[in-house]
Amino acid sequence: MSSTRCWSTYYNNAYTVKNSINTRMKEVDKLHVFFGLHELNTVKFYKAVVCEFLATALLIVFVCGAAVTMDSGRSLSIYTGAFNGAMAVAYIVWTFNHVSGAHINPAVTLSFFVTGHVSVTKTVAYIIAQCGGSVAGAALTWVLVPRAWRGNLASTTFSDEITLAQGFAVEAISTFTMILGIFASSDQYRTDHAGSLPLTVGLIVYTQVAWAGHLTGCSMNPARTLGPAVMAGTWDNHWVYWVAPLVGAVAAGLLYQHVLAESPKRADLSIQIDATVSSTATATEDLKFNDGTTGVKSNQIFGSVKEGFDNPSLQFDHKA
């Protein structure tokens, strides 16, 4: 009797230790994915970072370059600038989305980080690359444009009538709206999507710049503001162009992720059998009958978490 109790105690203790070890391993694995240090060992990671640098540099060249060259240094209409910015973003998303996600914006990267779509390592690397690309793009534009045309290199600045509180609110709201649109456009579980993702994102940018451009320049992107500020020395209210977009981006990302994101439809596990067809079935992928006709159909349940963004580069890489 005592021997049986000893063995029972031994197995119970062993089971408890095993469960404890499994729990700790799961926690370690979550931390491993969260920090993403394993990504440093992949070529894909460095390609993505280089793309973020190059894409952000091109954004500055296209947007700021057009603003100071289309009319020989004179100011453009807000709609012309908005359209040019929208098409620039659409081109960049079309070209770089498959490699890095074409964030080109620390606010976009942060919103994907707080919702669990990119790791700490990728977030830090992307933001550094975006800031570096912005300065590089602004420097290139500064060199290529005639001195008399440069002005402030299309820096984002407050209108004279705008207060600090108003400017902060404008940048936060416009960024909030943009991030909501980006998340909605990237949600792979939605079935009502149609048309071009790059063009959709570009048009989202256009609508925001059209209403907010005259007020603050409608940056919605700390990197967009940084490069021209470095080259032209326009640092007034610069902190607003960092804090407000980041606040708006985080709020929008969390709202979409936890409230608006489409969940996968639950599978219909019922099996429909066509009684008019022979009942001798072969268990193939499509559950076809021996004569080749389909008599049984069933659905499978796919992932159930709300992280269905359609660009693989926005997902965690779970492989070490």
Protein backbone atom coordinates (compact mmCIF):
# COMPACT_ATOMS: atom_id res chain seq x y z
CA MET A 1 0.00 0.00 0.00
CA SER A 2 2.75 2.37 0.99
CA SER A 3 4.64 1.43 -2.20
CA THR A 4 1.60 2.30 -4.30
CA ARG A 5 1.26 5.66 -2.58
CA CYS A 6 4.95 6.41 -3.16
CA TRP A 7 4.66 5.69 -6.85
CA SER A 8 1.47 7.74 -7.06
CA THR A 9 3.16 10.67 -5.33
CA TYR A 10 6.16 10.31 -7.63
CA TYR A 11 4.05 10.41 -10.79
CA ASN A 12 1.98 13.34 -9.51
CA ASN A 13 5.13 15.29 -8.72
CA ALA A 14 6.61 14.42 -12.10
CA TYR A 15 3.42 15.55 -13.84
CA THR A 16 3.44 18.82 -11.91
CA VAL A 17 7.08 19.47 -12.80
CA LYS A 18 6.38 18.70 -16.47
CA ASN A 19 3.47 21.14 -16.56
CA SER A 20 5.59 23.79 -14.86
CA ILE A 21 8.37 23.31 -17.40
CA ASN A 22 5.91 23.49 -20.32
CA THR A 23 4.41 26.70 -18.92
CA ARG A 24 7.83 28.29 -18.54
CA MET A 25 8.80 27.21 -22.06
CA LYS A 26 5.67 28.84 -23.45
CA GLU A 27 6.45 32.04 -21.56
CA VAL A 28 10.03 32.01 -22.86
CA ASP A 29 8.75 31.41 -26.40
CA LYS A 30 6.39 34.38 -26.11
CA LEU A 31 9.25 36.60 -24.97
CA HIS A 32 11.40 35.23 -27.79
CA VAL A 33 8.74 36.24 -30.32
CA PHE A 34 8.00 39.55 -28.60
CA PHE A 35 11.60 40.79 -28.68
CA GLY A 36 12.37 39.15 -32.04
CA LEU A 37 16.13 38.94 -31.60
CA HIS A 38 16.12 35.80 -33.76
CA GLU A 39 15.15 38.01 -36.71
CA LEU A 40 18.67 39.43 -36.69
CA ASN A 41 19.81 36.10 -38.11
CA THR A 42 17.61 36.33 -41.21
CA VAL A 43 18.30 37.99 -44.54
CA LYS A 44 14.64 38.95 -44.76
CA PHE A 45 15.01 41.25 -41.75
CA TYR A 46 17.86 43.26 -43.27
CA LYS A 47 16.13 43.48 -46.64
CA ALA A 48 13.08 44.90 -44.89
CA VAL A 49 15.12 47.48 -42.96
CA VAL A 50 16.94 48.61 -46.11
CA CYS A 51 13.60 48.92 -47.89
CA GLU A 52 12.24 51.12 -45.10
CA PHE A 53 15.28 53.39 -45.40
CA LEU A 54 15.01 53.61 -49.19
CA ALA A 55 11.22 53.97 -49.26
CA THR A 56 11.22 56.79 -46.70
CA ALA A 57 13.99 58.59 -48.59
CA LEU A 58 11.94 58.35 -51.78
CA LEU A 59 8.88 59.66 -49.95
CA ILE A 60 10.76 62.82 -48.99
CA VAL A 61 12.19 63.26 -52.48
CA PHE A 62 8.78 62.84 -54.12
CA VAL A 63 6.75 64.92 -51.69
CA CYS A 64 9.19 67.69 -50.75
CA GLY A 65 10.90 67.69 -54.12
CA ALA A 66 7.62 68.20 -55.96
CA ALA A 67 6.55 70.91 -53.53
CA VAL A 68 9.60 73.06 -54.28
CA THR A 69 10.09 72.29 -57.98
CA MET A 70 6.63 72.09 -59.59
CA ASP A 71 6.28 75.87 -59.58
CA SER A 72 9.92 76.96 -59.23
CA GLY A 73 9.83 77.32 -55.45
CA ARG A 74 6.40 78.94 -55.19
CA SER A 75 3.75 77.37 -52.98
CA LEU A 76 1.42 74.80 -54.52
CA SER A 77 -2.29 74.53 -53.92
CA ILE A 78 -3.19 72.20 -51.07
CA TYR A 79 -4.98 69.85 -53.46
CA THR A 80 -1.97 69.56 -55.75
CA GLY A 81 0.27 68.78 -52.81
CA ALA A 82 -2.25 66.29 -51.41
CA PHE A 83 -2.59 64.49 -54.73
CA ASN A 84 1.17 64.29 -55.20
CA GLY A 85 1.63 62.91 -51.69
CA ALA A 86 -1.13 60.36 -52.23
CA MET A 87 0.40 59.09 -55.46
CA ALA A 88 3.85 58.95 -53.88
CA VAL A 89 2.53 56.80 -51.03
CA ALA A 90 0.63 54.56 -53.46
CA TYR A 91 3.79 54.02 -55.52
CA ILE A 92 5.85 53.20 -52.42
CA VAL A 93 3.27 50.75 -51.05
CA TRP A 94 3.05 49.06 -54.45
CA THR A 95 6.82 48.74 -54.68
CA PHE A 96 7.92 47.84 -51.14
CA ASN A 97 4.87 46.36 -49.40
CA HIS A 98 5.84 42.74 -50.09
CA VAL A 99 9.25 43.15 -48.46
CA SER A 100 8.83 45.41 -45.44
CA GLY A 101 5.15 46.35 -45.33
CA ALA A 102 6.08 49.84 -46.59
CA HIS A 103 5.49 51.50 -43.23
CA ILE A 104 7.63 54.59 -44.08
CA ASN A 105 6.31 56.09 -40.87
CA PRO A 106 7.21 55.53 -37.19
CA ALA A 107 3.54 56.01 -36.30
CA VAL A 108 2.52 53.11 -38.56
CA THR A 109 5.27 50.91 -37.15
CA LEU A 110 4.31 51.72 -33.56
CA SER A 111 0.65 50.95 -34.23
CA PHE A 112 1.58 47.52 -35.57
CA PHE A 113 3.86 46.96 -32.59
CA VAL A 114 1.25 47.69 -29.91
CA THR A 115 -1.18 45.34 -31.66
CA GLY A 116 1.36 42.51 -31.78
CA HIS A 117 2.22 42.42 -35.48
CA VAL A 118 5.89 43.36 -35.32
CA SER A 119 8.55 42.61 -32.72
CA VAL A 120 10.57 45.00 -30.58
CA THR A 121 13.65 44.43 -32.73
CA LYS A 122 11.85 45.18 -35.97
CA THR A 123 10.11 48.22 -34.48
CA VAL A 124 13.37 49.81 -33.34
CA ALA A 125 15.17 48.98 -36.59
CA TYR A 126 12.32 50.29 -38.74
CA ILE A 127 12.07 53.61 -36.90
CA ILE A 128 15.83 54.18 -37.11
CA ALA A 129 15.77 53.33 -40.83
CA GLN A 130 12.81 55.62 -41.46
CA CYS A 131 14.45 58.56 -39.70
CA GLY A 132 17.73 57.96 -41.51
CA GLY A 133 15.95 57.66 -44.83
CA SER A 134 14.07 60.89 -44.20
CA VAL A 135 17.26 62.85 -43.54
CA ALA A 136 18.96 61.24 -46.54
CA GLY A 137 16.02 62.06 -48.82
CA ALA A 138 15.89 65.64 -47.58
CA ALA A 139 19.64 66.06 -48.05
CA LEU A 140 19.42 64.72 -51.61
CA THR A 141 16.53 67.06 -52.42
CA TRP A 142 18.43 69.99 -50.88
CA VAL A 143 21.44 69.30 -53.11
CA LEU A 144 19.44 68.78 -56.31
CA VAL A 145 17.14 71.79 -56.03
CA PRO A 146 18.36 75.32 -56.93
CA ARG A 147 19.10 77.42 -53.88
CA ALA A 148 16.44 80.01 -54.72
CA TRP A 149 13.75 77.31 -54.82
CA ARG A 150 14.52 75.52 -51.56
CA GLY A 151 12.68 77.69 -49.06
CA ASN A 152 12.01 75.53 -46.02
CA LEU A 153 11.99 72.39 -48.17
CA ALA A 154 8.24 71.91 -47.66
CA SER A 155 8.61 71.58 -43.91
CA THR A 156 5.43 70.92 -41.96
CA THR A 157 4.61 74.03 -39.90
CA PHE A 158 1.63 75.49 -38.09
CA SER A 159 -0.52 78.10 -39.77
CA ASP A 160 -0.23 81.47 -38.04
CA GLU A 161 -3.79 81.24 -36.69
CA ILE A 162 -3.39 77.74 -35.23
CA THR A 163 -2.78 77.31 -31.51
CA LEU A 164 -0.62 74.61 -30.00
CA ALA A 165 -3.65 72.67 -28.77
CA GLN A 166 -5.34 72.91 -32.15
CA GLY A 167 -2.21 71.77 -33.96
CA PHE A 168 -1.79 68.81 -31.63
CA ALA A 169 -5.40 67.78 -32.13
CA VAL A 170 -5.19 68.11 -35.92
CA GLU A 171 -2.11 65.89 -36.14
CA ALA A 172 -3.53 63.33 -33.72
CA ILE A 173 -6.92 63.13 -35.46
CA SER A 174 -5.52 62.97 -39.00
CA THR A 175 -3.07 60.22 -37.99
CA PHE A 176 -5.81 58.36 -36.12
CA THR A 177 -7.97 58.39 -39.24
CA MET A 178 -5.12 57.29 -41.49
CA ILE A 179 -4.15 54.35 -39.24
CA LEU A 180 -7.75 53.17 -39.03
CA GLY A 181 -7.86 53.11 -42.82
CA ILE A 182 -4.55 51.25 -43.08
CA PHE A 183 -5.66 48.59 -40.60
CA ALA A 184 -9.02 48.23 -42.33
CA SER A 185 -7.36 47.88 -45.72
CA SER A 186 -4.97 45.21 -44.40
CA ASP A 187 -7.50 43.05 -42.56
CA GLN A 188 -7.43 39.74 -44.43
CA TYR A 189 -10.58 38.43 -42.76
CA ARG A 190 -12.76 41.09 -44.33
CA THR A 191 -14.68 39.91 -47.36
CA ASP A 192 -15.80 43.30 -48.65
CA HIS A 193 -12.42 44.46 -49.94
CA ALA A 194 -12.07 45.34 -53.59
CA GLY A 195 -9.71 47.37 -55.71
CA SER A 196 -6.09 48.34 -55.12
CA LEU A 197 -4.58 48.40 -51.63
CA PRO A 198 -1.81 50.90 -52.59
CA LEU A 199 -4.32 53.25 -54.22
CA THR A 200 -6.64 52.96 -51.23
CA VAL A 201 -3.87 53.93 -48.82
CA GLY A 202 -2.90 56.80 -51.11
CA LEU A 203 -6.46 58.11 -51.19
CA ILE A 204 -6.64 57.91 -47.39
CA VAL A 205 -3.57 60.17 -47.26
CA TYR A 206 -5.17 62.53 -49.79
CA THR A 207 -8.35 62.99 -47.75
CA GLN A 208 -6.39 63.87 -44.62
CA VAL A 209 -4.00 66.32 -46.30
CA ALA A 210 -6.92 67.98 -48.10
CA TRP A 211 -8.57 69.06 -44.84
CA ALA A 212 -5.57 69.44 -42.54
CA GLY A 213 -2.80 70.53 -44.87
CA HIS A 214 -3.36 74.27 -44.42
CA LEU A 215 -3.56 73.91 -40.65
CA THR A 216 -0.37 72.03 -39.75
CA GLY A 217 0.97 70.65 -43.01
CA CYS A 218 -0.74 67.37 -42.02
CA SER A 219 2.44 65.42 -41.45
CA MET A 220 0.92 62.29 -39.79
CA ASN A 221 4.50 61.03 -39.95
CA PRO A 222 7.38 62.05 -37.64
CA ALA A 223 9.90 60.95 -40.28
CA ARG A 224 8.22 63.15 -42.90
CA THR A 225 8.78 66.15 -40.62
CA LEU A 226 12.28 65.24 -39.42
CA GLY A 227 14.24 65.31 -42.69
CA PRO A 228 13.17 68.77 -43.91
CA ALA A 229 13.58 70.13 -40.35
CA VAL A 230 17.19 68.94 -40.26
CA MET A 231 18.03 70.54 -43.60
CA ALA A 232 16.01 73.77 -43.29
CA GLY A 233 16.23 74.28 -39.52
CA THR A 234 12.46 74.42 -39.02
CA TRP A 235 12.11 73.15 -35.44
CA ASP A 236 9.09 75.14 -34.24
CA ASN A 237 6.61 72.82 -32.50
CA HIS A 238 8.65 69.87 -33.73
CA TRP A 239 7.72 67.73 -30.73
CA VAL A 240 4.06 67.94 -31.72
CA TYR A 241 4.85 66.16 -34.99
CA TRP A 242 6.19 63.25 -32.97
CA VAL A 243 3.89 62.98 -29.99
CA ALA A 244 0.54 63.70 -31.66
CA PRO A 245 0.89 61.19 -34.54
CA LEU A 246 2.16 58.49 -32.18
CA VAL A 247 -0.77 59.02 -29.81
CA GLY A 248 -3.27 58.94 -32.67
CA ALA A 249 -1.65 55.87 -34.21
CA VAL A 250 -1.66 53.84 -30.99
CA ALA A 251 -5.30 54.74 -30.28
CA ALA A 252 -6.40 53.80 -33.81
CA GLY A 253 -4.45 50.54 -33.86
CA LEU A 254 -5.88 49.38 -30.54
CA LEU A 255 -9.40 50.41 -31.51
CA TYR A 256 -9.31 48.49 -34.77
CA GLN A 257 -7.58 45.45 -33.30
CA HIS A 258 -9.91 44.99 -30.36
CA VAL A 259 -13.20 46.44 -31.62
CA LEU A 260 -13.40 46.68 -35.39
CA ALA A 261 -11.24 43.81 -36.67
CA GLU A 262 -13.12 41.10 -38.48
CA SER A 263 -12.92 37.68 -36.84
CA PRO A 264 -12.67 34.52 -38.95
CA LYS A 265 -16.05 33.04 -39.63
CA ARG A 266 -16.68 29.91 -37.64
CA ALA A 267 -16.60 26.85 -39.81
CA ASP A 268 -19.75 24.93 -40.64
CA LEU A 269 -18.80 21.50 -39.35
CA SER A 270 -21.87 19.80 -40.76
CA ILE A 271 -21.29 17.34 -43.59
CA GLN A 272 -23.65 17.25 -46.50
CA ILE A 273 -23.89 13.92 -48.33
CA ASP A 274 -25.41 13.59 -51.74
CA ALA A 275 -27.54 10.44 -51.43
CA THR A 276 -27.78 10.08 -55.19
CA VAL A 277 -24.07 9.34 -55.45
CA SER A 278 -22.37 6.10 -54.46
CA SER A 279 -21.58 6.02 -50.74
CA THR A 280 -18.11 4.53 -51.18
CA ALA A 281 -15.91 7.55 -50.48
CA THR A 282 -12.18 8.01 -50.71
CA ALA A 283 -10.69 10.26 -48.01
CA THR A 284 -8.92 12.65 -50.32
CA GLU A 285 -8.43 16.38 -49.77
CA ASP A 286 -11.78 17.16 -51.41
CA LEU A 287 -13.49 14.00 -50.08
CA LYS A 288 -14.27 12.80 -53.59
CA PHE A 289 -16.00 9.58 -54.44
CA ASN A 290 -14.22 6.85 -56.37
CA ASP A 291 -15.89 7.91 -59.58
CA GLY A 292 -14.38 11.39 -59.25
CA THR A 293 -17.52 13.26 -58.26
CA THR A 294 -17.68 15.25 -55.05
CA GLY A 295 -20.20 13.84 -52.62
CA VAL A 296 -18.98 15.24 -49.31
CA LYS A 297 -17.89 18.73 -48.46
CA SER A 298 -16.66 20.08 -45.12
CA ASN A 299 -15.03 23.24 -43.85
CA GLN A 300 -11.96 23.68 -41.65
CA ILE A 301 -11.40 26.14 -38.86
CA PHE A 302 -8.52 28.49 -39.45
CA GLY A 303 -6.84 30.82 -36.92
CA SER A 304 -9.21 32.58 -34.58
CA VAL A 305 -7.18 35.54 -33.39
CA LYS A 306 -7.69 39.03 -34.77
CA GLU A 307 -4.32 39.48 -36.38
CA GLY A 308 -5.17 38.81 -39.98
CA PHE A 309 -3.15 41.38 -41.79
CA ASP A 310 -2.47 40.25 -45.31
CA ASN A 311 1.18 41.16 -45.63
CA PRO A 312 3.37 38.37 -44.22
CA SER A 313 6.08 40.88 -43.33
CA LEU A 314 3.72 42.40 -40.76
CA GLN A 315 3.50 39.13 -38.86
CA PHE A 316 5.87 37.75 -36.29
CA ASP A 317 8.43 35.36 -37.69
CA HIS A 318 8.07 32.41 -35.29
CA LYS A 319 11.00 30.57 -36.78
CA ALA A 320 14.36 31.10 -35.14
